[in-house]
């Protein structure tokens, strides 16, 4: 089962992102119901490993996160593949990401080494951009460079199943794990 751990966004943040997407003239927009922050992509895993991770996450002790989105960015090098809203640097989020990776690895889930760059994917681009599209993307980055959301609180982590379809991925929440203050 292809899965990832992520953070769902509050409605008020989703509304801001959806309005922002209205001004993106290039690429395939990510549907509003798929907008999230990925904490850890788990890839295809057998159900036994996912069940072991589920049991670990039921005992998770981590405080709710206060996050903010600020500015836009692209990923994919010289030929961008993704346009995203960037998550402001947050030590608690980075620590949670590391903690979740350790839990997944302890359950036998092998994760690739990759730099954690928290973001919300807004649009995806094909492998070959058409003439003028790179310029449109550059203009978007300049025009919306000051984009920001109010600070928001995330109260839970979600385990999502990701099903790839011709029209794009479909995400289904399999389980949710509340973030609550650590007990002494």
N, C-alpha and C. Protein backbone atom coordinates (compact mmCIF):
# COMPACT_ATOMS: atom_id res chain seq x y z
N UNK A 1 0.85 -1.17 0.00
CA UNK A 1 0.00 0.00 0.00
C UNK A 1 0.91 1.24 0.00
N UNK A 2 0.67 2.15 -0.93
CA UNK A 2 1.47 3.37 -1.07
C UNK A 2 0.92 4.41 -0.07
N UNK A 3 1.79 4.86 0.86
CA UNK A 3 1.31 5.73 1.94
C UNK A 3 2.30 6.85 2.25
N UNK A 4 1.81 7.82 3.00
CA UNK A 4 2.67 8.88 3.55
C UNK A 4 2.04 9.42 4.83
N UNK A 5 2.87 10.02 5.65
CA UNK A 5 2.41 10.73 6.84
C UNK A 5 2.38 12.21 6.51
N UNK A 6 1.27 12.87 6.84
CA UNK A 6 1.15 14.27 6.49
C UNK A 6 0.31 15.04 7.49
N UNK A 7 0.27 16.33 7.25
CA UNK A 7 -0.52 17.25 8.07
C UNK A 7 -1.61 17.87 7.21
N UNK A 8 -2.86 17.67 7.62
CA UNK A 8 -3.98 18.33 6.96
C UNK A 8 -3.97 19.80 7.34
N UNK A 9 -4.49 20.62 6.47
CA UNK A 9 -4.50 22.07 6.69
C UNK A 9 -5.89 22.53 7.10
N UNK A 10 -5.95 23.54 7.98
CA UNK A 10 -7.27 24.07 8.37
C UNK A 10 -7.98 24.72 7.18
N UNK A 11 -9.29 24.76 7.24
CA UNK A 11 -10.11 25.31 6.15
C UNK A 11 -9.69 26.72 5.76
N UNK A 12 -9.39 27.56 6.72
CA UNK A 12 -9.05 28.95 6.38
C UNK A 12 -7.77 29.02 5.56
N UNK A 13 -6.82 28.11 5.80
CA UNK A 13 -5.59 28.06 5.02
C UNK A 13 -5.88 27.48 3.64
N UNK A 14 -6.71 26.44 3.59
CA UNK A 14 -7.10 25.86 2.30
C UNK A 14 -7.79 26.90 1.43
N UNK A 15 -8.64 27.74 2.02
CA UNK A 15 -9.32 28.80 1.26
C UNK A 15 -8.31 29.76 0.64
N UNK A 16 -7.30 30.17 1.41
CA UNK A 16 -6.26 31.07 0.89
C UNK A 16 -5.49 30.42 -0.25
N UNK A 17 -5.15 29.15 -0.10
CA UNK A 17 -4.39 28.44 -1.13
C UNK A 17 -5.22 28.25 -2.40
N UNK A 18 -6.50 27.97 -2.22
CA UNK A 18 -7.38 27.79 -3.37
C UNK A 18 -7.51 29.11 -4.16
N UNK A 19 -7.59 30.22 -3.45
CA UNK A 19 -7.65 31.53 -4.13
C UNK A 19 -6.35 31.81 -4.86
N UNK A 20 -5.24 31.44 -4.24
CA UNK A 20 -3.93 31.61 -4.88
C UNK A 20 -3.85 30.77 -6.16
N UNK A 21 -4.35 29.55 -6.10
CA UNK A 21 -4.32 28.66 -7.27
C UNK A 21 -5.08 29.25 -8.47
N UNK A 22 -6.08 30.08 -8.21
CA UNK A 22 -6.83 30.70 -9.29
C UNK A 22 -5.94 31.55 -10.18
N UNK A 23 -4.80 32.01 -9.65
CA UNK A 23 -3.88 32.87 -10.40
C UNK A 23 -2.70 32.11 -10.98
N UNK A 24 -2.74 30.78 -10.93
CA UNK A 24 -1.65 29.97 -11.48
C UNK A 24 -2.07 29.52 -12.88
N UNK A 25 -1.45 30.12 -13.93
CA UNK A 25 -1.90 29.84 -15.29
C UNK A 25 -1.23 28.64 -15.96
N UNK A 26 -0.31 27.99 -15.26
CA UNK A 26 0.47 26.93 -15.88
C UNK A 26 0.50 25.71 -14.96
N UNK A 27 0.57 24.53 -15.57
CA UNK A 27 0.68 23.31 -14.78
C UNK A 27 -0.68 22.70 -14.45
N UNK A 28 -0.62 21.56 -13.76
CA UNK A 28 -1.83 20.86 -13.31
C UNK A 28 -2.01 21.17 -11.82
N UNK A 29 -3.10 21.87 -11.50
CA UNK A 29 -3.35 22.27 -10.11
C UNK A 29 -3.67 21.04 -9.26
N UNK A 30 -3.16 21.05 -8.04
CA UNK A 30 -3.49 20.00 -7.08
C UNK A 30 -4.88 20.31 -6.52
N UNK A 31 -5.79 19.34 -6.54
CA UNK A 31 -7.13 19.60 -6.00
C UNK A 31 -7.06 20.02 -4.53
N UNK A 32 -7.96 20.88 -4.14
CA UNK A 32 -7.98 21.40 -2.77
C UNK A 32 -7.98 20.28 -1.73
N UNK A 33 -8.72 19.19 -2.00
CA UNK A 33 -8.79 18.10 -1.02
C UNK A 33 -7.46 17.35 -0.88
N UNK A 34 -6.51 17.59 -1.79
CA UNK A 34 -5.20 16.94 -1.71
C UNK A 34 -4.11 17.84 -1.13
N UNK A 35 -4.42 19.08 -0.82
CA UNK A 35 -3.41 19.99 -0.28
C UNK A 35 -3.07 19.59 1.15
N UNK A 36 -1.77 19.45 1.43
CA UNK A 36 -1.30 18.99 2.75
C UNK A 36 0.20 19.28 2.85
N UNK A 37 0.76 19.03 4.02
CA UNK A 37 2.21 19.08 4.23
C UNK A 37 2.67 17.64 4.47
N UNK A 38 3.55 17.14 3.62
CA UNK A 38 4.07 15.78 3.80
C UNK A 38 5.16 15.79 4.86
N UNK A 39 5.03 14.89 5.82
CA UNK A 39 6.06 14.70 6.84
C UNK A 39 7.04 13.60 6.44
N UNK A 40 6.51 12.52 5.88
CA UNK A 40 7.36 11.41 5.48
C UNK A 40 6.64 10.56 4.45
N UNK A 41 7.24 10.42 3.27
CA UNK A 41 6.68 9.55 2.24
C UNK A 41 7.16 8.13 2.52
N UNK A 42 6.23 7.23 2.71
CA UNK A 42 6.55 5.85 3.10
C UNK A 42 6.64 4.90 1.92
N UNK A 43 6.18 5.32 0.75
CA UNK A 43 6.19 4.51 -0.47
C UNK A 43 5.30 3.28 -0.29
N UNK A 44 5.51 2.26 -1.09
CA UNK A 44 4.70 1.03 -0.98
C UNK A 44 5.19 0.20 0.19
N UNK A 45 4.27 -0.16 1.08
CA UNK A 45 4.61 -0.93 2.26
C UNK A 45 3.60 -2.05 2.47
N UNK A 46 4.06 -3.19 2.97
CA UNK A 46 3.11 -4.25 3.33
C UNK A 46 2.27 -3.81 4.52
N UNK A 47 1.07 -4.34 4.60
CA UNK A 47 0.16 -3.95 5.68
C UNK A 47 0.74 -4.23 7.06
N UNK A 48 1.53 -5.28 7.20
CA UNK A 48 2.12 -5.62 8.51
C UNK A 48 3.02 -4.49 9.00
N UNK A 49 3.82 -3.91 8.13
CA UNK A 49 4.69 -2.79 8.54
C UNK A 49 3.86 -1.55 8.87
N UNK A 50 2.84 -1.31 8.07
CA UNK A 50 1.97 -0.15 8.35
C UNK A 50 1.23 -0.33 9.67
N UNK A 51 0.83 -1.55 9.98
CA UNK A 51 0.16 -1.81 11.26
C UNK A 51 1.13 -1.60 12.42
N UNK A 52 2.39 -2.02 12.25
CA UNK A 52 3.40 -1.80 13.30
C UNK A 52 3.61 -0.30 13.51
N UNK A 53 3.69 0.45 12.41
CA UNK A 53 3.85 1.90 12.53
C UNK A 53 2.61 2.52 13.19
N UNK A 54 1.44 2.05 12.81
CA UNK A 54 0.19 2.54 13.41
C UNK A 54 0.23 2.37 14.93
N UNK A 55 0.64 1.20 15.39
CA UNK A 55 0.71 0.94 16.83
C UNK A 55 1.70 1.89 17.51
N UNK A 56 2.82 2.15 16.85
CA UNK A 56 3.81 3.10 17.39
C UNK A 56 3.22 4.51 17.47
N UNK A 57 2.52 4.91 16.43
CA UNK A 57 1.99 6.28 16.38
C UNK A 57 0.84 6.50 17.34
N UNK A 58 0.17 5.41 17.72
CA UNK A 58 -0.88 5.55 18.73
C UNK A 58 -0.31 6.01 20.07
N UNK A 59 0.97 5.74 20.29
CA UNK A 59 1.64 6.15 21.53
C UNK A 59 2.45 7.44 21.37
N UNK A 60 2.31 8.08 20.24
CA UNK A 60 3.08 9.28 19.95
C UNK A 60 2.78 10.39 20.95
N UNK A 61 3.84 11.00 21.43
CA UNK A 61 3.71 12.17 22.30
C UNK A 61 4.46 13.32 21.67
N UNK A 62 3.72 14.26 21.13
CA UNK A 62 4.29 15.45 20.52
C UNK A 62 3.27 16.56 20.62
N UNK A 63 3.76 17.75 20.81
CA UNK A 63 2.88 18.90 20.99
C UNK A 63 2.28 19.35 19.65
N UNK A 64 1.11 19.98 19.68
CA UNK A 64 0.55 20.57 18.46
C UNK A 64 1.56 21.54 17.85
N UNK A 65 1.47 21.72 16.55
CA UNK A 65 2.41 22.57 15.82
C UNK A 65 1.76 23.88 15.43
N UNK A 66 2.50 24.95 15.60
CA UNK A 66 2.08 26.27 15.12
C UNK A 66 2.91 26.56 13.88
N UNK A 67 2.23 26.64 12.73
CA UNK A 67 2.91 26.76 11.45
C UNK A 67 2.43 27.99 10.68
N UNK A 68 3.21 28.32 9.67
CA UNK A 68 2.87 29.44 8.79
C UNK A 68 3.42 29.13 7.41
N UNK A 69 2.68 29.48 6.37
CA UNK A 69 3.16 29.38 5.00
C UNK A 69 3.61 30.77 4.57
N UNK A 70 4.78 30.82 3.92
CA UNK A 70 5.32 32.12 3.51
C UNK A 70 6.09 31.96 2.21
N UNK A 71 5.60 32.61 1.17
CA UNK A 71 6.28 32.61 -0.12
C UNK A 71 6.03 31.36 -0.93
N UNK A 72 6.43 31.43 -2.20
CA UNK A 72 6.31 30.31 -3.11
C UNK A 72 7.69 29.83 -3.51
N UNK A 73 7.76 28.59 -3.93
CA UNK A 73 9.03 28.03 -4.40
C UNK A 73 8.76 26.99 -5.46
N UNK A 74 9.83 26.57 -6.12
CA UNK A 74 9.74 25.50 -7.11
C UNK A 74 10.75 24.42 -6.74
N UNK A 75 10.47 23.21 -7.19
CA UNK A 75 11.38 22.09 -7.00
C UNK A 75 11.56 21.40 -8.34
N UNK A 76 12.76 20.89 -8.56
CA UNK A 76 13.02 20.17 -9.79
C UNK A 76 14.19 20.73 -10.58
N UNK A 77 14.91 21.68 -10.01
CA UNK A 77 16.10 22.20 -10.68
C UNK A 77 15.77 23.18 -11.79
N UNK A 78 16.53 23.09 -12.89
CA UNK A 78 16.39 24.05 -14.00
C UNK A 78 15.04 23.92 -14.70
N UNK A 79 14.48 22.72 -14.67
CA UNK A 79 13.16 22.50 -15.25
C UNK A 79 12.21 22.14 -14.11
N UNK A 80 11.56 23.15 -13.52
CA UNK A 80 10.72 22.91 -12.34
C UNK A 80 9.65 21.85 -12.59
N UNK A 81 9.40 21.04 -11.57
CA UNK A 81 8.37 20.01 -11.64
C UNK A 81 7.19 20.36 -10.74
N UNK A 82 7.44 21.22 -9.71
CA UNK A 82 6.42 21.49 -8.70
C UNK A 82 6.48 22.97 -8.31
N UNK A 83 5.30 23.58 -8.14
CA UNK A 83 5.18 24.91 -7.55
C UNK A 83 4.55 24.71 -6.18
N UNK A 84 5.13 25.32 -5.15
CA UNK A 84 4.63 25.07 -3.79
C UNK A 84 4.61 26.34 -2.96
N UNK A 85 3.77 26.29 -1.93
CA UNK A 85 3.78 27.29 -0.86
C UNK A 85 4.73 26.74 0.19
N UNK A 86 5.66 27.55 0.63
CA UNK A 86 6.71 27.11 1.53
C UNK A 86 6.28 27.26 3.00
N UNK A 87 6.65 26.28 3.82
CA UNK A 87 6.40 26.35 5.25
C UNK A 87 7.56 27.09 5.89
N UNK A 88 7.26 28.09 6.70
CA UNK A 88 8.30 28.84 7.42
C UNK A 88 9.09 27.87 8.29
N UNK A 89 10.41 28.08 8.34
CA UNK A 89 11.27 27.21 9.16
C UNK A 89 10.69 27.06 10.56
N UNK A 90 10.69 25.81 11.04
CA UNK A 90 10.06 25.52 12.32
C UNK A 90 10.78 24.34 12.97
N UNK A 91 11.47 24.60 14.07
CA UNK A 91 12.27 23.56 14.73
C UNK A 91 11.42 22.40 15.22
N UNK A 92 10.22 22.68 15.72
CA UNK A 92 9.35 21.61 16.23
C UNK A 92 8.90 20.70 15.08
N UNK A 93 8.62 21.27 13.92
CA UNK A 93 8.22 20.48 12.76
C UNK A 93 9.37 19.60 12.29
N UNK A 94 10.57 20.15 12.24
CA UNK A 94 11.75 19.37 11.84
C UNK A 94 12.01 18.24 12.82
N UNK A 95 11.87 18.52 14.11
CA UNK A 95 12.08 17.48 15.13
C UNK A 95 11.02 16.38 14.99
N UNK A 96 9.78 16.76 14.72
CA UNK A 96 8.72 15.77 14.53
C UNK A 96 9.01 14.90 13.31
N UNK A 97 9.45 15.52 12.24
CA UNK A 97 9.82 14.77 11.03
C UNK A 97 10.89 13.73 11.35
N UNK A 98 11.93 14.12 12.05
CA UNK A 98 13.01 13.18 12.42
C UNK A 98 12.48 12.06 13.31
N UNK A 99 11.63 12.40 14.25
CA UNK A 99 11.06 11.42 15.17
C UNK A 99 10.21 10.39 14.41
N UNK A 100 9.41 10.87 13.46
CA UNK A 100 8.57 9.97 12.67
C UNK A 100 9.40 9.07 11.77
N UNK A 101 10.48 9.62 11.21
CA UNK A 101 11.39 8.79 10.39
C UNK A 101 11.97 7.66 11.23
N UNK A 102 12.39 8.00 12.45
CA UNK A 102 12.98 6.99 13.33
C UNK A 102 11.96 5.91 13.66
N UNK A 103 10.72 6.31 13.93
CA UNK A 103 9.67 5.33 14.23
C UNK A 103 9.41 4.43 13.01
N UNK A 104 9.34 5.02 11.83
CA UNK A 104 9.10 4.23 10.61
C UNK A 104 10.24 3.24 10.39
N UNK A 105 11.46 3.70 10.55
CA UNK A 105 12.61 2.82 10.35
C UNK A 105 12.64 1.70 11.38
N UNK A 106 12.23 2.00 12.61
CA UNK A 106 12.18 0.97 13.65
C UNK A 106 11.14 -0.10 13.32
N UNK A 107 10.17 0.24 12.49
CA UNK A 107 9.14 -0.72 12.08
C UNK A 107 9.51 -1.44 10.78
N UNK A 108 10.75 -1.25 10.33
CA UNK A 108 11.22 -1.94 9.13
C UNK A 108 10.94 -1.22 7.83
N UNK A 109 10.53 0.04 7.90
CA UNK A 109 10.26 0.82 6.69
C UNK A 109 11.53 1.55 6.30
N UNK A 110 12.05 1.24 5.12
CA UNK A 110 13.26 1.89 4.62
C UNK A 110 12.86 3.19 3.93
N UNK A 111 13.46 4.28 4.38
CA UNK A 111 13.15 5.59 3.82
C UNK A 111 14.39 6.15 3.13
N UNK A 112 14.21 6.77 1.97
CA UNK A 112 15.37 7.37 1.29
C UNK A 112 15.88 8.58 2.06
N UNK A 113 17.19 8.81 1.94
CA UNK A 113 17.76 10.02 2.54
C UNK A 113 17.39 11.19 1.65
N UNK A 114 16.72 12.14 2.21
CA UNK A 114 16.31 13.33 1.44
C UNK A 114 16.20 14.50 2.40
N UNK A 115 16.54 15.66 1.89
CA UNK A 115 16.42 16.87 2.70
C UNK A 115 14.94 17.14 2.95
N UNK A 116 14.60 17.46 4.19
CA UNK A 116 13.22 17.78 4.54
C UNK A 116 12.97 19.23 4.19
N UNK A 117 12.09 19.45 3.24
CA UNK A 117 11.71 20.79 2.79
C UNK A 117 10.19 20.87 2.86
N UNK A 118 9.65 21.23 4.04
CA UNK A 118 8.19 21.25 4.18
C UNK A 118 7.55 22.29 3.28
N UNK A 119 6.48 21.86 2.62
CA UNK A 119 5.80 22.70 1.64
C UNK A 119 4.41 22.14 1.38
N UNK A 120 3.62 22.92 0.66
CA UNK A 120 2.32 22.47 0.17
C UNK A 120 2.38 22.57 -1.35
N UNK A 121 2.30 21.43 -2.04
CA UNK A 121 2.34 21.43 -3.50
C UNK A 121 1.04 22.02 -4.04
N UNK A 122 1.18 23.06 -4.87
CA UNK A 122 0.03 23.75 -5.45
C UNK A 122 -0.23 23.32 -6.89
N UNK A 123 0.86 23.08 -7.65
CA UNK A 123 0.73 22.70 -9.06
C UNK A 123 1.92 21.84 -9.45
N UNK A 124 1.67 20.96 -10.41
CA UNK A 124 2.72 20.09 -10.96
C UNK A 124 2.89 20.42 -12.44
N UNK A 125 4.13 20.35 -12.89
CA UNK A 125 4.43 20.65 -14.29
C UNK A 125 4.90 19.38 -15.00
N UNK A 126 4.63 19.32 -16.29
CA UNK A 126 5.08 18.20 -17.09
C UNK A 126 6.60 18.19 -17.22
N UNK A 127 7.12 17.13 -17.80
CA UNK A 127 8.57 17.00 -17.95
C UNK A 127 9.14 18.05 -18.88
N UNK A 128 8.39 18.43 -19.87
CA UNK A 128 8.87 19.44 -20.82
C UNK A 128 7.93 20.65 -20.78
N UNK A 129 8.46 21.75 -20.28
CA UNK A 129 7.67 22.97 -20.25
C UNK A 129 7.60 23.56 -21.65
N UNK A 130 6.46 24.10 -22.00
CA UNK A 130 6.26 24.74 -23.29
C UNK A 130 6.95 26.11 -23.28
N UNK A 131 7.29 26.63 -24.47
CA UNK A 131 7.90 27.96 -24.52
C UNK A 131 7.02 28.97 -23.78
N UNK A 132 7.63 29.77 -22.98
CA UNK A 132 6.92 30.79 -22.22
C UNK A 132 6.46 30.34 -20.84
N UNK A 133 6.33 29.02 -20.61
CA UNK A 133 5.85 28.55 -19.31
C UNK A 133 6.87 28.82 -18.20
N UNK A 134 8.14 28.66 -18.50
CA UNK A 134 9.17 28.93 -17.49
C UNK A 134 9.11 30.41 -17.08
N UNK A 135 8.87 31.28 -18.05
CA UNK A 135 8.73 32.71 -17.78
C UNK A 135 7.49 32.95 -16.91
N UNK A 136 6.39 32.27 -17.19
CA UNK A 136 5.17 32.41 -16.39
C UNK A 136 5.43 31.97 -14.94
N UNK A 137 6.16 30.89 -14.78
CA UNK A 137 6.49 30.41 -13.43
C UNK A 137 7.35 31.43 -12.71
N UNK A 138 8.33 31.97 -13.39
CA UNK A 138 9.20 32.99 -12.78
C UNK A 138 8.37 34.22 -12.37
N UNK A 139 7.44 34.63 -13.20
CA UNK A 139 6.58 35.77 -12.88
C UNK A 139 5.70 35.47 -11.66
N UNK A 140 5.19 34.25 -11.57
CA UNK A 140 4.40 33.85 -10.39
C UNK A 140 5.23 33.98 -9.12
N UNK A 141 6.47 33.49 -9.17
CA UNK A 141 7.34 33.55 -8.00
C UNK A 141 7.59 34.99 -7.58
N UNK A 142 7.77 35.86 -8.55
CA UNK A 142 7.99 37.27 -8.22
C UNK A 142 6.71 37.93 -7.69
N UNK A 143 5.61 37.69 -8.37
CA UNK A 143 4.36 38.35 -8.01
C UNK A 143 3.84 37.90 -6.65
N UNK A 144 3.98 36.60 -6.33
CA UNK A 144 3.43 36.06 -5.09
C UNK A 144 4.52 35.75 -4.06
N UNK A 145 5.70 36.36 -4.25
CA UNK A 145 6.79 36.13 -3.30
C UNK A 145 6.44 36.54 -1.88
N UNK A 146 5.52 37.47 -1.73
CA UNK A 146 5.12 37.93 -0.40
C UNK A 146 3.92 37.19 0.16
N UNK A 147 3.48 36.13 -0.52
CA UNK A 147 2.33 35.36 -0.04
C UNK A 147 2.60 34.85 1.38
N UNK A 148 1.60 34.96 2.23
CA UNK A 148 1.73 34.45 3.59
C UNK A 148 0.35 34.08 4.12
N UNK A 149 0.35 33.16 5.06
CA UNK A 149 -0.90 32.81 5.75
C UNK A 149 -0.75 33.24 7.21
N UNK A 150 -1.86 33.40 7.89
CA UNK A 150 -1.76 33.59 9.33
C UNK A 150 -1.16 32.32 9.95
N UNK A 151 -0.59 32.46 11.11
CA UNK A 151 -0.10 31.28 11.85
C UNK A 151 -1.30 30.40 12.17
N UNK A 152 -1.13 29.10 11.97
CA UNK A 152 -2.21 28.16 12.25
C UNK A 152 -1.67 26.99 13.07
N UNK A 153 -2.57 26.33 13.76
CA UNK A 153 -2.19 25.20 14.62
C UNK A 153 -2.65 23.90 13.98
N UNK A 154 -1.74 22.93 13.97
CA UNK A 154 -2.07 21.59 13.48
C UNK A 154 -2.14 20.69 14.69
N UNK A 155 -3.26 19.99 14.84
CA UNK A 155 -3.54 19.19 16.03
C UNK A 155 -3.34 17.69 15.84
N UNK A 156 -3.05 17.26 14.59
CA UNK A 156 -2.92 15.81 14.37
C UNK A 156 -2.08 15.51 13.13
N UNK A 157 -1.55 14.31 13.12
CA UNK A 157 -0.85 13.74 11.97
C UNK A 157 -1.82 12.76 11.33
N UNK A 158 -1.76 12.66 10.01
CA UNK A 158 -2.63 11.73 9.29
C UNK A 158 -1.78 10.74 8.50
N UNK A 159 -2.16 9.48 8.55
CA UNK A 159 -1.59 8.46 7.68
C UNK A 159 -2.51 8.38 6.47
N UNK A 160 -1.95 8.72 5.30
CA UNK A 160 -2.72 8.73 4.06
C UNK A 160 -2.31 7.57 3.16
N UNK A 161 -3.29 7.01 2.47
CA UNK A 161 -3.02 6.11 1.36
C UNK A 161 -3.05 6.95 0.10
N UNK A 162 -2.09 6.73 -0.78
CA UNK A 162 -2.01 7.46 -2.05
C UNK A 162 -2.22 6.48 -3.19
N UNK A 163 -3.27 6.71 -3.97
CA UNK A 163 -3.56 5.87 -5.12
C UNK A 163 -3.32 6.70 -6.38
N UNK A 164 -2.43 6.20 -7.24
CA UNK A 164 -2.12 6.92 -8.47
C UNK A 164 -3.14 6.57 -9.54
N UNK A 165 -3.73 7.61 -10.12
CA UNK A 165 -4.73 7.46 -11.18
C UNK A 165 -4.28 8.30 -12.38
N UNK A 166 -4.81 8.04 -13.57
CA UNK A 166 -4.41 8.83 -14.74
C UNK A 166 -4.62 10.34 -14.56
N UNK A 167 -5.66 10.72 -13.83
CA UNK A 167 -5.94 12.15 -13.63
C UNK A 167 -5.18 12.73 -12.44
N UNK A 168 -4.39 11.94 -11.75
CA UNK A 168 -3.61 12.41 -10.61
C UNK A 168 -3.83 11.51 -9.40
N UNK A 169 -3.14 11.82 -8.33
CA UNK A 169 -3.22 11.00 -7.12
C UNK A 169 -4.53 11.27 -6.37
N UNK A 170 -5.02 10.22 -5.72
CA UNK A 170 -6.16 10.36 -4.81
C UNK A 170 -5.67 9.94 -3.43
N UNK A 171 -5.94 10.77 -2.43
CA UNK A 171 -5.49 10.50 -1.07
C UNK A 171 -6.68 10.12 -0.20
N UNK A 172 -6.45 9.13 0.65
CA UNK A 172 -7.47 8.71 1.59
C UNK A 172 -6.85 8.63 2.97
N UNK A 173 -7.47 9.29 3.94
CA UNK A 173 -6.98 9.24 5.33
C UNK A 173 -7.29 7.86 5.90
N UNK A 174 -6.23 7.17 6.36
CA UNK A 174 -6.39 5.84 6.96
C UNK A 174 -6.48 5.91 8.47
N UNK A 175 -5.72 6.83 9.06
CA UNK A 175 -5.71 6.96 10.53
C UNK A 175 -5.21 8.36 10.88
N UNK A 176 -5.61 8.82 12.06
CA UNK A 176 -5.16 10.12 12.55
C UNK A 176 -4.61 9.96 13.95
N UNK A 177 -3.56 10.73 14.22
CA UNK A 177 -2.85 10.63 15.50
C UNK A 177 -2.79 12.02 16.12
N UNK A 178 -3.48 12.22 17.24
CA UNK A 178 -3.51 13.56 17.83
C UNK A 178 -2.13 13.99 18.34
N UNK A 179 -1.88 15.28 18.15
CA UNK A 179 -0.69 15.88 18.74
C UNK A 179 -1.14 16.51 20.05
N UNK A 180 -0.52 16.11 21.10
CA UNK A 180 -0.88 16.64 22.43
C UNK A 180 0.41 16.85 23.20
N UNK A 181 0.33 17.72 24.15
CA UNK A 181 1.51 18.03 24.95
C UNK A 181 2.06 16.76 25.57
N UNK A 182 3.38 16.69 25.61
CA UNK A 182 4.03 15.51 26.21
C UNK A 182 3.74 15.45 27.69
N UNK A 183 3.56 14.24 28.19
CA UNK A 183 3.30 14.05 29.62
C UNK A 183 4.63 13.85 30.35
N UNK A 184 4.68 14.32 31.57
CA UNK A 184 5.92 14.22 32.35
C UNK A 184 6.02 12.88 33.04
